[in-house]
Amino acid sequence: MKIAVIYGTERKGSTYNIAQLFISKLSDAKEDVTEFFLPTSMPNFCRGCFMCFNESSNCPDYKYVKPILDAMLNADILIFASPVYVYHVTGQMKTFLDHFAFQWMVHKPNEKMFKKQALIISTAAGGGTKSTMKDLKDSMIYWGVAKTHTYGVNVAAGSWNHVSDKKKTEIKNTVDKLSTKIKNNSSHIKPCLKVKTLFYGMRFFHKKFGVNKPDVEYWENKGWLYKTRPW
């Protein structure tokens, strides 16, 4: 499987190491794995200039957006790994998500996303993995990602080296099971109900109201306002 991985921090702690366990199970070749570390791979905040809503290449930071977008579109599965920062994703990961607002369902979702899986990984010494994973899962649904898997774990330690052997064994067993599930799903990817429902909601919105002309024209050119579907 081809994998695109986005890490919410450059610190190679528990979240990174768990991501590596998944990668070793899901990919047979290193050249099939493309990794991005934030903030290096996306160093700038979104300016809120709205330029991407007309055309994504208009983004002032497109030189950072494009290689990540290309890798994601070329991948079979997207992996997002973020430790918990104050019960949410890292600031770097939020900046990354802001830069991809142009491909939210209401704007210009990419049809390739409707045939992909995503895996969200989050760790914490204590709590907060649920709300952190929701930050990312919201974007996956609005991107049109067909199936999103989540794995959050409280490691009860400040570093991977201090995670107990018992906890590491539990993590490995879960990684094995979830990796098998992801592989089994790979041959018959179809959008989940939430994604389909959102698609039809946005389709109705564009047909009924046509608020933003570039978005309406995009949907119309794809044939989505008529009988064509992206899955």
C-alpha atoms as a PDB file:
ATOM      1  CA  MET A   1       0.000   0.000   0.000  1.00  0.00           C
ATOM      2  CA  LYS A   2       1.174   3.517  -0.759  1.00  0.00           C
ATOM      3  CA  ILE A   3       1.126   5.665   2.368  1.00  0.00           C
ATOM      4  CA  ALA A   4       1.288   9.410   3.025  1.00  0.00           C
ATOM      5  CA  VAL A   5       2.064  10.269   6.645  1.00  0.00           C
ATOM      6  CA  ILE A   6       1.677  13.670   8.294  1.00  0.00           C
ATOM      7  CA  TYR A   7       3.159  14.044  11.757  1.00  0.00           C
ATOM      8  CA  GLY A   8       1.873  16.848  13.977  1.00  0.00           C
ATOM      9  CA  THR A   9       5.277  17.334  15.559  1.00  0.00           C
ATOM     10  CA  GLU A  10       8.920  16.627  14.797  1.00  0.00           C
ATOM     11  CA  ARG A  11       9.345  14.968  18.176  1.00  0.00           C
ATOM     12  CA  LYS A  12       9.732  11.224  17.668  1.00  0.00           C
ATOM     13  CA  GLY A  13       7.848  10.084  20.744  1.00  0.00           C
ATOM     14  CA  SER A  14       5.025   7.626  21.352  1.00  0.00           C
ATOM     15  CA  THR A  15       2.822   8.867  18.504  1.00  0.00           C
ATOM     16  CA  TYR A  16       5.669   8.574  15.996  1.00  0.00           C
ATOM     17  CA  ASN A  17       6.652   5.107  17.166  1.00  0.00           C
ATOM     18  CA  ILE A  18       3.097   3.811  16.963  1.00  0.00           C
ATOM     19  CA  ALA A  19       2.803   5.256  13.463  1.00  0.00           C
ATOM     20  CA  GLN A  20       5.958   3.354  12.551  1.00  0.00           C
ATOM     21  CA  LEU A  21       4.386   0.129  13.818  1.00  0.00           C
ATOM     22  CA  PHE A  22       1.412   0.688  11.516  1.00  0.00           C
ATOM     23  CA  ILE A  23       3.645   1.566   8.577  1.00  0.00           C
ATOM     24  CA  SER A  24       5.644  -1.635   9.005  1.00  0.00           C
ATOM     25  CA  LYS A  25       2.412  -3.638   8.825  1.00  0.00           C
ATOM     26  CA  LEU A  26       0.783  -1.745   5.958  1.00  0.00           C
ATOM     27  CA  SER A  27       3.695  -1.244   3.553  1.00  0.00           C
ATOM     28  CA  ASP A  28       6.234  -3.642   2.123  1.00  0.00           C
ATOM     29  CA  ALA A  29       8.572  -1.052   0.642  1.00  0.00           C
ATOM     30  CA  LYS A  30      10.081   2.147   2.029  1.00  0.00           C
ATOM     31  CA  GLU A  31       9.662   3.893  -1.323  1.00  0.00           C
ATOM     32  CA  ASP A  32       5.881   3.535  -0.945  1.00  0.00           C
ATOM     33  CA  VAL A  33       5.920   5.693   2.198  1.00  0.00           C
ATOM     34  CA  THR A  34       6.084   9.489   2.057  1.00  0.00           C
ATOM     35  CA  GLU A  35       6.430  11.286   5.386  1.00  0.00           C
ATOM     36  CA  PHE A  36       5.910  14.936   6.292  1.00  0.00           C
ATOM     37  CA  PHE A  37       6.929  16.464   9.603  1.00  0.00           C
ATOM     38  CA  LEU A  38       5.260  19.608  10.861  1.00  0.00           C
ATOM     39  CA  PRO A  39       6.070  22.452  11.114  1.00  0.00           C
ATOM     40  CA  THR A  40       8.997  21.990   8.681  1.00  0.00           C
ATOM     41  CA  SER A  41       6.729  20.689   5.898  1.00  0.00           C
ATOM     42  CA  MET A  42       4.190  23.469   6.527  1.00  0.00           C
ATOM     43  CA  PRO A  43       5.904  26.308   8.412  1.00  0.00           C
ATOM     44  CA  ASN A  44       3.435  29.155   7.834  1.00  0.00           C
ATOM     45  CA  PHE A  45       0.060  29.972   9.326  1.00  0.00           C
ATOM     46  CA  CYS A  46      -2.930  30.246   7.006  1.00  0.00           C
ATOM     47  CA  ARG A  47      -3.381  33.944   6.193  1.00  0.00           C
ATOM     48  CA  GLY A  48      -7.138  33.727   5.714  1.00  0.00           C
ATOM     49  CA  CYS A  49      -6.775  35.362   2.306  1.00  0.00           C
ATOM     50  CA  PHE A  50      -9.484  33.190   0.679  1.00  0.00           C
ATOM     51  CA  MET A  51      -7.335  32.840  -2.459  1.00  0.00           C
ATOM     52  CA  CYS A  52      -7.432  29.016  -2.359  1.00  0.00           C
ATOM     53  CA  PHE A  53     -11.228  28.992  -2.620  1.00  0.00           C
ATOM     54  CA  ASN A  54     -10.955  30.302  -6.167  1.00  0.00           C
ATOM     55  CA  GLU A  55      -8.014  28.078  -7.090  1.00  0.00           C
ATOM     56  CA  SER A  56      -5.836  26.059  -4.687  1.00  0.00           C
ATOM     57  CA  SER A  57      -2.646  27.046  -6.530  1.00  0.00           C
ATOM     58  CA  ASN A  58      -3.352  30.670  -5.580  1.00  0.00           C
ATOM     59  CA  CYS A  59      -2.443  29.916  -1.961  1.00  0.00           C
ATOM     60  CA  PRO A  60       0.642  31.949  -0.920  1.00  0.00           C
ATOM     61  CA  ASP A  61       1.999  28.737   0.626  1.00  0.00           C
ATOM     62  CA  TYR A  62       1.261  26.502  -2.351  1.00  0.00           C
ATOM     63  CA  LYS A  63       4.909  25.431  -2.568  1.00  0.00           C
ATOM     64  CA  TYR A  64       4.281  23.619   0.734  1.00  0.00           C
ATOM     65  CA  VAL A  65       0.729  22.548  -0.042  1.00  0.00           C
ATOM     66  CA  LYS A  66       1.455  20.952  -3.441  1.00  0.00           C
ATOM     67  CA  PRO A  67       3.959  18.218  -2.447  1.00  0.00           C
ATOM     68  CA  ILE A  68       1.744  17.146   0.456  1.00  0.00           C
ATOM     69  CA  LEU A  69      -1.378  17.196  -1.714  1.00  0.00           C
ATOM     70  CA  ASP A  70       0.357  15.208  -4.468  1.00  0.00           C
ATOM     71  CA  ALA A  71       1.538  12.599  -1.967  1.00  0.00           C
ATOM     72  CA  MET A  72      -1.932  12.263  -0.448  1.00  0.00           C
ATOM     73  CA  LEU A  73      -3.615  11.906  -3.837  1.00  0.00           C
ATOM     74  CA  ASN A  74      -1.066   9.264  -4.827  1.00  0.00           C
ATOM     75  CA  ALA A  75      -1.504   7.274  -1.595  1.00  0.00           C
ATOM     76  CA  ASP A  76      -3.845   4.419  -0.778  1.00  0.00           C
ATOM     77  CA  ILE A  77      -4.029   5.412   2.857  1.00  0.00           C
ATOM     78  CA  LEU A  78      -3.412   8.668   4.702  1.00  0.00           C
ATOM     79  CA  ILE A  79      -1.939   8.536   8.203  1.00  0.00           C
ATOM     80  CA  PHE A  80      -2.223  11.504  10.545  1.00  0.00           C
ATOM     81  CA  ALA A  81      -0.289  11.276  13.797  1.00  0.00           C
ATOM     82  CA  SER A  82      -0.734  13.929  16.459  1.00  0.00           C
ATOM     83  CA  PRO A  83      -0.023  13.827  20.165  1.00  0.00           C
ATOM     84  CA  VAL A  84      -2.497  15.611  22.426  1.00  0.00           C
ATOM     85  CA  TYR A  85      -1.767  19.291  22.998  1.00  0.00           C
ATOM     86  CA  VAL A  86      -4.246  20.792  25.489  1.00  0.00           C
ATOM     87  CA  TYR A  87      -6.919  18.240  24.463  1.00  0.00           C
ATOM     88  CA  HIS A  88      -6.577  18.948  20.745  1.00  0.00           C
ATOM     89  CA  VAL A  89      -4.203  18.497  17.805  1.00  0.00           C
ATOM     90  CA  THR A  90      -0.890  20.280  17.817  1.00  0.00           C
ATOM     91  CA  GLY A  91      -0.866  23.863  16.593  1.00  0.00           C
ATOM     92  CA  GLN A  92       1.225  22.720  13.640  1.00  0.00           C
ATOM     93  CA  MET A  93      -1.424  20.162  12.638  1.00  0.00           C
ATOM     94  CA  LYS A  94      -4.187  22.757  12.903  1.00  0.00           C
ATOM     95  CA  THR A  95      -2.182  25.029  10.597  1.00  0.00           C
ATOM     96  CA  PHE A  96      -1.889  22.141   8.149  1.00  0.00           C
ATOM     97  CA  LEU A  97      -5.649  21.508   8.195  1.00  0.00           C
ATOM     98  CA  ASP A  98      -6.371  25.214   7.665  1.00  0.00           C
ATOM     99  CA  HIS A  99      -4.335  25.144   4.453  1.00  0.00           C
ATOM    100  CA  PHE A 100      -6.534  22.389   3.038  1.00  0.00           C
ATOM    101  CA  ALA A 101      -9.881  24.089   3.570  1.00  0.00           C
ATOM    102  CA  PHE A 102     -10.215  24.450  -0.212  1.00  0.00           C
ATOM    103  CA  GLN A 103     -10.926  20.726  -0.561  1.00  0.00           C
ATOM    104  CA  TRP A 104     -13.719  20.621   2.000  1.00  0.00           C
ATOM    105  CA  MET A 105     -16.965  19.193   0.689  1.00  0.00           C
ATOM    106  CA  VAL A 106     -18.678  22.569   0.387  1.00  0.00           C
ATOM    107  CA  HIS A 107     -15.890  23.843  -1.871  1.00  0.00           C
ATOM    108  CA  LYS A 108     -13.842  21.593  -4.168  1.00  0.00           C
ATOM    109  CA  PRO A 109     -13.487  18.059  -2.795  1.00  0.00           C
ATOM    110  CA  ASN A 110     -11.124  15.879  -4.807  1.00  0.00           C
ATOM    111  CA  GLU A 111     -12.791  12.777  -6.230  1.00  0.00           C
ATOM    112  CA  LYS A 112      -9.740  10.643  -5.345  1.00  0.00           C
ATOM    113  CA  MET A 113     -10.451  11.149  -1.645  1.00  0.00           C
ATOM    114  CA  PHE A 114     -13.727   9.256  -1.972  1.00  0.00           C
ATOM    115  CA  LYS A 115     -11.720   6.084  -2.625  1.00  0.00           C
ATOM    116  CA  LYS A 116      -9.178   6.368   0.173  1.00  0.00           C
ATOM    117  CA  GLN A 117      -8.786   5.260   3.765  1.00  0.00           C
ATOM    118  CA  ALA A 118      -7.315   7.362   6.545  1.00  0.00           C
ATOM    119  CA  LEU A 119      -5.814   6.400   9.882  1.00  0.00           C
ATOM    120  CA  ILE A 120      -5.704   8.878  12.750  1.00  0.00           C
ATOM    121  CA  ILE A 121      -3.288   8.168  15.587  1.00  0.00           C
ATOM    122  CA  SER A 122      -3.101  10.102  18.826  1.00  0.00           C
ATOM    123  CA  THR A 123      -1.352   9.521  22.118  1.00  0.00           C
ATOM    124  CA  ALA A 124      -1.352  11.227  25.493  1.00  0.00           C
ATOM    125  CA  ALA A 125       0.265  10.665  28.827  1.00  0.00           C
ATOM    126  CA  GLY A 126      -3.218  11.161  30.265  1.00  0.00           C
ATOM    127  CA  GLY A 127      -6.424  12.092  28.434  1.00  0.00           C
ATOM    128  CA  GLY A 128      -7.556  13.993  25.381  1.00  0.00           C
ATOM    129  CA  THR A 129      -7.094  11.542  22.522  1.00  0.00           C
ATOM    130  CA  LYS A 130     -10.809  11.490  21.677  1.00  0.00           C
ATOM    131  CA  SER A 131     -11.122  15.243  21.121  1.00  0.00           C
ATOM    132  CA  THR A 132      -7.771  15.325  19.316  1.00  0.00           C
ATOM    133  CA  MET A 133      -8.823  12.621  16.886  1.00  0.00           C
ATOM    134  CA  LYS A 134     -12.128  14.408  16.298  1.00  0.00           C
ATOM    135  CA  ASP A 135     -10.227  17.482  15.102  1.00  0.00           C
ATOM    136  CA  LEU A 136      -8.730  15.359  12.350  1.00  0.00           C
ATOM    137  CA  LYS A 137     -11.733  13.171  11.641  1.00  0.00           C
ATOM    138  CA  ASP A 138     -13.896  16.226  10.969  1.00  0.00           C
ATOM    139  CA  SER A 139     -11.569  17.174   8.112  1.00  0.00           C
ATOM    140  CA  MET A 140     -11.451  13.614   6.783  1.00  0.00           C
ATOM    141  CA  ILE A 141     -15.239  13.542   6.502  1.00  0.00           C
ATOM    142  CA  TYR A 142     -15.348  16.972   4.882  1.00  0.00           C
ATOM    143  CA  TRP A 143     -12.545  15.975   2.497  1.00  0.00           C
ATOM    144  CA  GLY A 144     -14.683  13.040   1.411  1.00  0.00           C
ATOM    145  CA  VAL A 145     -12.311  10.315   2.668  1.00  0.00           C
ATOM    146  CA  ALA A 146     -14.216   7.067   2.275  1.00  0.00           C
ATOM    147  CA  LYS A 147     -13.257   5.359   5.532  1.00  0.00           C
ATOM    148  CA  THR A 148     -11.455   6.789   8.555  1.00  0.00           C
ATOM    149  CA  HIS A 149      -9.945   4.604  11.268  1.00  0.00           C
ATOM    150  CA  THR A 150      -8.864   5.982  14.637  1.00  0.00           C
ATOM    151  CA  TYR A 151      -6.494   4.788  17.317  1.00  0.00           C
ATOM    152  CA  GLY A 152      -6.034   6.795  20.480  1.00  0.00           C
ATOM    153  CA  VAL A 153      -4.095   5.500  23.451  1.00  0.00           C
ATOM    154  CA  ASN A 154      -3.122   6.892  26.837  1.00  0.00           C
ATOM    155  CA  VAL A 155       0.436   5.667  27.286  1.00  0.00           C
ATOM    156  CA  ALA A 156       0.874   6.874  30.893  1.00  0.00           C
ATOM    157  CA  ALA A 157       4.380   8.087  30.091  1.00  0.00           C
ATOM    158  CA  GLY A 158       6.158  11.176  28.806  1.00  0.00           C
ATOM    159  CA  SER A 159       8.246   9.312  26.243  1.00  0.00           C
ATOM    160  CA  TRP A 160       8.175   6.042  24.299  1.00  0.00           C
ATOM    161  CA  ASN A 161      11.124   4.705  26.293  1.00  0.00           C
ATOM    162  CA  HIS A 162       9.106   5.052  29.491  1.00  0.00           C
ATOM    163  CA  VAL A 163       6.016   3.262  28.204  1.00  0.00           C
ATOM    164  CA  SER A 164       5.628  -0.014  30.082  1.00  0.00           C
ATOM    165  CA  ASP A 165       6.244  -3.334  28.344  1.00  0.00           C
ATOM    166  CA  LYS A 166       2.677  -4.354  29.131  1.00  0.00           C
ATOM    167  CA  LYS A 167       1.305  -1.242  27.424  1.00  0.00           C
ATOM    168  CA  LYS A 168       3.582  -1.739  24.415  1.00  0.00           C
ATOM    169  CA  THR A 169       2.309  -5.303  24.037  1.00  0.00           C
ATOM    170  CA  GLU A 170      -1.293  -4.043  24.131  1.00  0.00           C
ATOM    171  CA  ILE A 171      -0.427  -1.420  21.518  1.00  0.00           C
ATOM    172  CA  LYS A 172       1.254  -3.976  19.241  1.00  0.00           C
ATOM    173  CA  ASN A 173      -1.758  -6.298  19.418  1.00  0.00           C
ATOM    174  CA  THR A 174      -4.130  -3.454  18.537  1.00  0.00           C
ATOM    175  CA  VAL A 175      -1.881  -2.315  15.685  1.00  0.00           C
ATOM    176  CA  ASP A 176      -1.868  -5.855  14.268  1.00  0.00           C
ATOM    177  CA  LYS A 177      -5.669  -6.124  14.371  1.00  0.00           C
ATOM    178  CA  LEU A 178      -6.370  -2.676  12.948  1.00  0.00           C
ATOM    179  CA  SER A 179      -3.758  -3.094  10.218  1.00  0.00           C
ATOM    180  CA  THR A 180      -5.414  -6.323   9.126  1.00  0.00           C
ATOM    181  CA  LYS A 181      -8.784  -4.558   9.017  1.00  0.00           C
ATOM    182  CA  ILE A 182      -7.351  -1.736   6.902  1.00  0.00           C
ATOM    183  CA  LYS A 183      -5.772  -4.205   4.467  1.00  0.00           C
ATOM    184  CA  ASN A 184      -9.008  -6.181   4.176  1.00  0.00           C
ATOM    185  CA  ASN A 185     -10.926  -2.973   3.394  1.00  0.00           C
ATOM    186  CA  SER A 186      -8.479  -1.886   0.697  1.00  0.00           C
ATOM    187  CA  SER A 187     -10.047  -3.962  -2.068  1.00  0.00           C
ATOM    188  CA  HIS A 188     -13.568  -2.578  -1.678  1.00  0.00           C
ATOM    189  CA  ILE A 189     -13.440   1.052  -0.630  1.00  0.00           C
ATOM    190  CA  LYS A 190     -16.781   2.828  -0.566  1.00  0.00           C
ATOM    191  CA  PRO A 191     -17.634   6.107   1.195  1.00  0.00           C
ATOM    192  CA  CYS A 192     -19.217   5.755   4.612  1.00  0.00           C
ATOM    193  CA  LEU A 193     -22.749   7.013   5.264  1.00  0.00           C
ATOM    194  CA  LYS A 194     -21.557  10.306   6.798  1.00  0.00           C
ATOM    195  CA  VAL A 195     -19.501  11.153   3.725  1.00  0.00           C
ATOM    196  CA  LYS A 196     -22.304  10.289   1.309  1.00  0.00           C
ATOM    197  CA  THR A 197     -24.855  12.234   3.350  1.00  0.00           C
ATOM    198  CA  LEU A 198     -22.598  15.286   3.406  1.00  0.00           C
ATOM    199  CA  PHE A 199     -22.001  15.010  -0.338  1.00  0.00           C
ATOM    200  CA  TYR A 200     -25.721  15.016  -1.089  1.00  0.00           C
ATOM    201  CA  GLY A 201     -26.270  17.872   1.344  1.00  0.00           C
ATOM    202  CA  MET A 202     -23.648  20.003  -0.399  1.00  0.00           C
ATOM    203  CA  ARG A 203     -25.027  18.977  -3.803  1.00  0.00           C
ATOM    204  CA  PHE A 204     -28.454  20.246  -2.790  1.00  0.00           C
ATOM    205  CA  PHE A 205     -26.906  23.444  -1.422  1.00  0.00           C
ATOM    206  CA  HIS A 206     -25.094  24.230  -4.674  1.00  0.00           C
ATOM    207  CA  LYS A 207     -28.098  23.400  -6.861  1.00  0.00           C
ATOM    208  CA  LYS A 208     -30.524  25.366  -4.706  1.00  0.00           C
ATOM    209  CA  PHE A 209     -28.511  28.429  -3.724  1.00  0.00           C
ATOM    210  CA  GLY A 210     -25.330  28.595  -5.845  1.00  0.00           C
ATOM    211  CA  VAL A 211     -23.656  30.948  -3.364  1.00  0.00           C
ATOM    212  CA  ASN A 212     -20.024  30.754  -4.514  1.00  0.00           C
ATOM    213  CA  LYS A 213     -19.677  30.678  -8.304  1.00  0.00           C
ATOM    214  CA  PRO A 214     -16.241  28.914  -8.459  1.00  0.00           C
ATOM    215  CA  ASP A 215     -17.568  26.118  -6.223  1.00  0.00           C
ATOM    216  CA  VAL A 216     -20.758  25.696  -8.240  1.00  0.00           C
ATOM    217  CA  GLU A 217     -18.799  25.618 -11.497  1.00  0.00           C
ATOM    218  CA  TYR A 218     -16.440  23.015 -10.043  1.00  0.00           C
ATOM    219  CA  TRP A 219     -19.318  20.740  -9.027  1.00  0.00           C
ATOM    220  CA  GLU A 220     -21.024  21.294 -12.346  1.00  0.00           C
ATOM    221  CA  ASN A 221     -17.889  20.486 -14.348  1.00  0.00           C
ATOM    222  CA  LYS A 222     -17.466  17.270 -12.371  1.00  0.00           C
ATOM    223  CA  GLY A 223     -21.033  16.314 -13.251  1.00  0.00           C
ATOM    224  CA  TRP A 224     -21.916  15.992  -9.563  1.00  0.00           C
ATOM    225  CA  LEU A 225     -24.934  18.276  -9.887  1.00  0.00           C
ATOM    226  CA  TYR A 226     -26.298  15.726 -12.331  1.00  0.00           C
ATOM    227  CA  LYS A 227     -25.901  11.927 -12.331  1.00  0.00           C
ATOM    228  CA  THR A 228     -22.141  11.530 -11.929  1.00  0.00           C
ATOM    229  CA  ARG A 229     -20.802  10.554  -8.488  1.00  0.00           C
ATOM    230  CA  PRO A 230     -17.182  10.525  -7.242  1.00  0.00           C
ATOM    231  CA  TRP A 231     -17.303   6.914  -6.051  1.00  0.00           C
END
